[in-house]
Amino acid sequence: MKEHYYDKLLNIKTKGDKNEGGADNKSLHYHPYEPTPYSALEELFRHYEVKSSDRVVDFGCGKGRLNFYIHYFFHATVAGVEMNETLFQAAVRNLESYVRKKGRDQIKFVCCLAEEYEIDERDNRFYFFNPFSIQVFRKIVNNILLSMEASKRDIELVLYYPSEDYIYFLENQTSFELKGEVILPHLYEHNSNERFLIYQLQF
């Protein structure tokens, strides 16, 4: 029900299945498309603050659901990174539909491998719905850290359905610290992956 409500509110189409856009995956390191449920986004943002001054990057953005949601409700600058051309084009079409409601300022989509995305020195929030292997995740985190060295700022990573590999890497091989956890009611008790973890690195 919420999927239909929010897609209609935002004037976009983001529903899909795991087979969509998966046929031409360039590598086994990248996982199939699956958008974050709107109900999960509602719960996340009950507990996690995004400011209009933030710049949020969604790695493996698919059709852009998170980007439009954040822009609509929090007016933050958002970027979506998607390697799959089919999904990227769907995100671009959604942007064309969305601008009729809210305007295109502060939203962009980039079609490239996630590890090849050039971190903007103002990007400070990064979202991951378990989109790829730990090898790719490591490269992206290293890119973020290099960017932070060049432009000092507080950084936060938001992980949905976090893999044990991601958690182990962040907690044992980086200076990121766990800032908070958001558990999805009624789902977590059946599946302990149904949660968000927020990691922060302050300079």
Protein backbone atom coordinates (compact mmCIF):
# COMPACT_ATOMS: atom_id res chain seq x y z
CA MET A 1 0.00 0.00 0.00
CA LYS A 2 2.79 2.43 0.95
CA GLU A 3 4.67 1.57 -2.21
CA HIS A 4 1.79 2.86 -4.30
CA TYR A 5 1.11 5.86 -2.04
CA TYR A 6 4.65 7.23 -2.07
CA ASP A 7 5.33 6.51 -5.74
CA LYS A 8 2.17 8.44 -6.56
CA LEU A 9 3.07 11.27 -4.16
CA LEU A 10 6.51 11.62 -5.72
CA ASN A 11 5.22 11.03 -9.26
CA ILE A 12 7.73 8.21 -9.84
CA LYS A 13 7.80 4.46 -10.50
CA THR A 14 10.28 2.55 -8.38
CA LYS A 15 8.72 -0.86 -7.86
CA GLY A 16 10.64 -3.77 -9.30
CA ASP A 17 11.88 -7.26 -8.67
CA LYS A 18 15.28 -8.79 -8.11
CA ASN A 19 15.54 -9.96 -11.73
CA GLU A 20 15.11 -6.47 -13.10
CA GLY A 21 18.31 -5.03 -14.41
CA GLY A 22 20.22 -8.09 -13.29
CA ALA A 23 20.82 -9.75 -16.63
CA ASP A 24 23.65 -7.48 -17.71
CA ASN A 25 25.42 -7.22 -14.36
CA LYS A 26 29.10 -6.81 -15.12
CA SER A 27 30.24 -8.74 -12.10
CA LEU A 28 29.19 -11.15 -9.41
CA HIS A 29 30.31 -8.42 -7.01
CA TYR A 30 27.06 -6.52 -7.63
CA HIS A 31 23.75 -7.64 -6.16
CA PRO A 32 20.30 -7.57 -7.87
CA TYR A 33 17.98 -4.58 -7.73
CA GLU A 34 15.70 -4.28 -4.72
CA PRO A 35 14.46 -0.89 -3.49
CA THR A 36 14.34 -0.09 0.21
CA PRO A 37 10.70 -0.48 1.33
CA TYR A 38 8.99 2.84 2.01
CA SER A 39 7.91 1.51 5.41
CA ALA A 40 11.59 1.02 6.27
CA LEU A 41 12.41 4.57 5.14
CA GLU A 42 9.63 5.90 7.34
CA GLU A 43 11.11 4.13 10.35
CA LEU A 44 14.67 5.20 9.56
CA PHE A 45 13.78 8.87 9.36
CA ARG A 46 11.81 8.77 12.58
CA HIS A 47 15.17 8.26 14.27
CA TYR A 48 17.76 9.63 11.86
CA GLU A 49 18.04 13.29 10.95
CA VAL A 50 18.87 14.58 7.48
CA LYS A 51 19.40 18.32 7.13
CA SER A 52 18.86 20.42 4.02
CA SER A 53 22.61 21.18 4.12
CA ASP A 54 23.51 17.48 3.83
CA ARG A 55 24.66 15.86 0.60
CA VAL A 56 23.52 12.24 0.41
CA VAL A 57 24.92 9.63 -1.98
CA ASP A 58 23.02 6.37 -2.57
CA PHE A 59 25.30 3.65 -3.94
CA GLY A 60 23.31 1.21 -6.06
CA CYS A 61 20.39 3.64 -6.24
CA GLY A 62 18.33 1.63 -8.76
CA LYS A 63 15.40 3.79 -9.86
CA GLY A 64 16.14 6.49 -7.31
CA ARG A 65 13.55 5.84 -4.61
CA LEU A 66 15.72 6.98 -1.69
CA ASN A 67 16.93 10.05 -3.59
CA PHE A 68 13.44 11.36 -4.32
CA TYR A 69 12.20 10.55 -0.81
CA ILE A 70 15.03 12.46 0.85
CA HIS A 71 14.79 15.41 -1.53
CA TYR A 72 11.03 15.69 -1.12
CA PHE A 73 10.91 15.51 2.66
CA PHE A 74 14.26 17.00 3.71
CA HIS A 75 15.31 19.19 0.74
CA ALA A 76 18.86 17.82 0.87
CA THR A 77 21.15 17.47 -2.14
CA VAL A 78 21.13 13.84 -3.35
CA ALA A 79 23.14 11.78 -5.82
CA GLY A 80 22.33 8.29 -7.03
CA VAL A 81 25.06 6.00 -8.37
CA GLU A 82 23.90 3.09 -10.53
CA MET A 83 26.01 0.85 -12.74
CA ASN A 84 23.11 -0.79 -14.56
CA GLU A 85 22.09 1.18 -17.64
CA THR A 86 18.48 -0.03 -17.57
CA LEU A 87 17.96 1.03 -13.97
CA PHE A 88 19.84 4.28 -14.54
CA GLN A 89 17.52 5.18 -17.42
CA ALA A 90 14.53 4.39 -15.20
CA ALA A 91 15.94 6.79 -12.58
CA VAL A 92 16.35 9.49 -15.24
CA ARG A 93 12.74 8.98 -16.36
CA ASN A 94 11.63 9.25 -12.75
CA LEU A 95 13.56 12.49 -12.46
CA GLU A 96 11.69 13.89 -15.44
CA SER A 97 8.39 12.96 -13.76
CA TYR A 98 9.48 14.22 -10.37
CA VAL A 99 10.53 17.67 -11.60
CA ARG A 100 6.93 18.39 -12.51
CA LYS A 101 6.25 18.22 -8.77
CA LYS A 102 9.35 19.57 -7.08
CA GLY A 103 12.02 20.72 -9.54
CA ARG A 104 15.35 19.10 -10.40
CA ASP A 105 17.69 21.22 -8.31
CA GLN A 106 19.94 19.19 -6.02
CA ILE A 107 19.26 15.80 -7.65
CA LYS A 108 21.61 13.94 -9.96
CA PHE A 109 22.14 10.40 -11.17
CA VAL A 110 25.44 8.96 -12.33
CA CYS A 111 25.83 5.77 -14.38
CA CYS A 112 29.12 4.18 -13.38
CA LEU A 113 30.63 1.50 -11.19
CA ALA A 114 30.22 2.52 -7.58
CA GLU A 115 33.95 2.41 -6.90
CA GLU A 116 34.52 4.77 -9.84
CA TYR A 117 32.17 7.46 -8.54
CA GLU A 118 34.15 10.60 -7.79
CA ILE A 119 33.30 11.64 -4.24
CA ASP A 120 32.38 15.31 -4.12
CA GLU A 121 34.21 17.15 -1.35
CA ARG A 122 30.81 18.18 0.03
CA ASP A 123 29.25 14.66 0.07
CA ASN A 124 28.80 13.74 3.74
CA ARG A 125 26.12 11.02 3.99
CA PHE A 126 26.39 7.69 2.18
CA TYR A 127 23.66 5.05 1.91
CA PHE A 128 24.13 1.34 1.20
CA PHE A 129 21.41 -1.30 0.87
CA ASN A 130 23.94 -4.14 0.72
CA PRO A 131 24.44 -3.42 -3.00
CA PHE A 132 27.73 -5.19 -3.66
CA SER A 133 30.52 -7.37 -2.29
CA ILE A 134 32.87 -6.42 0.52
CA GLN A 135 35.65 -5.90 -2.03
CA VAL A 136 33.69 -3.11 -3.72
CA PHE A 137 32.54 -1.68 -0.39
CA ARG A 138 36.16 -1.44 0.80
CA LYS A 139 37.15 0.53 -2.29
CA ILE A 140 34.28 2.98 -1.82
CA VAL A 141 35.02 3.53 1.86
CA ASN A 142 38.67 4.16 0.97
CA ASN A 143 37.53 6.69 -1.65
CA ILE A 144 35.42 8.40 1.01
CA LEU A 145 38.35 8.51 3.43
CA LEU A 146 40.65 9.99 0.79
CA SER A 147 38.02 12.63 0.07
CA MET A 148 37.75 13.40 3.76
CA GLU A 149 41.51 13.93 3.98
CA ALA A 150 41.28 16.48 1.19
CA SER A 151 38.21 18.19 2.67
CA LYS A 152 37.72 17.72 6.41
CA ARG A 153 34.10 17.06 7.39
CA ASP A 154 31.97 14.71 9.46
CA ILE A 155 30.93 11.60 7.52
CA GLU A 156 28.13 9.15 8.15
CA LEU A 157 27.38 5.80 6.53
CA VAL A 158 23.87 4.35 6.66
CA LEU A 159 23.65 0.60 6.09
CA TYR A 160 20.35 -1.15 5.51
CA TYR A 161 20.26 -4.94 5.83
CA PRO A 162 23.97 -4.76 6.77
CA SER A 163 26.19 -7.69 5.91
CA GLU A 164 28.54 -9.12 8.51
CA ASP A 165 31.45 -8.42 6.16
CA TYR A 166 30.59 -4.70 6.02
CA ILE A 167 30.26 -4.51 9.80
CA TYR A 168 33.52 -6.36 10.47
CA PHE A 169 35.45 -4.18 8.03
CA LEU A 170 34.14 -0.90 9.44
CA GLU A 171 34.64 -1.86 13.07
CA ASN A 172 38.03 -3.55 12.74
CA GLN A 173 39.78 -1.89 9.82
CA THR A 174 38.56 1.71 9.86
CA SER A 175 38.03 4.53 12.37
CA PHE A 176 34.27 4.58 11.83
CA GLU A 177 32.25 4.19 15.01
CA LEU A 178 28.70 2.92 15.40
CA LYS A 179 26.47 5.92 16.07
CA GLY A 180 23.08 4.24 16.14
CA GLU A 181 20.82 1.37 15.17
CA VAL A 182 17.26 1.52 13.88
CA ILE A 183 15.37 -1.75 14.15
CA LEU A 184 12.32 -2.37 11.96
CA PRO A 185 9.39 -3.32 14.20
CA HIS A 186 7.72 -6.69 13.55
CA LEU A 187 10.43 -7.63 11.03
CA TYR A 188 13.61 -7.70 13.12
CA GLU A 189 12.26 -10.39 15.44
CA HIS A 190 12.04 -12.74 12.45
CA ASN A 191 15.15 -11.52 10.61
CA SER A 192 17.99 -9.76 12.44
CA ASN A 193 19.11 -8.11 9.19
CA GLU A 194 15.98 -5.94 9.16
CA ARG A 195 17.70 -2.92 10.63
CA PHE A 196 19.75 0.13 9.80
CA LEU A 197 23.21 0.78 11.22
CA ILE A 198 24.63 4.30 11.22
CA TYR A 199 28.40 4.71 11.38
CA GLN A 200 30.12 8.04 11.83
CA LEU A 201 33.60 9.45 11.43
CA GLN A 202 34.27 12.87 12.90
CA PHE A 203 37.32 14.98 12.23
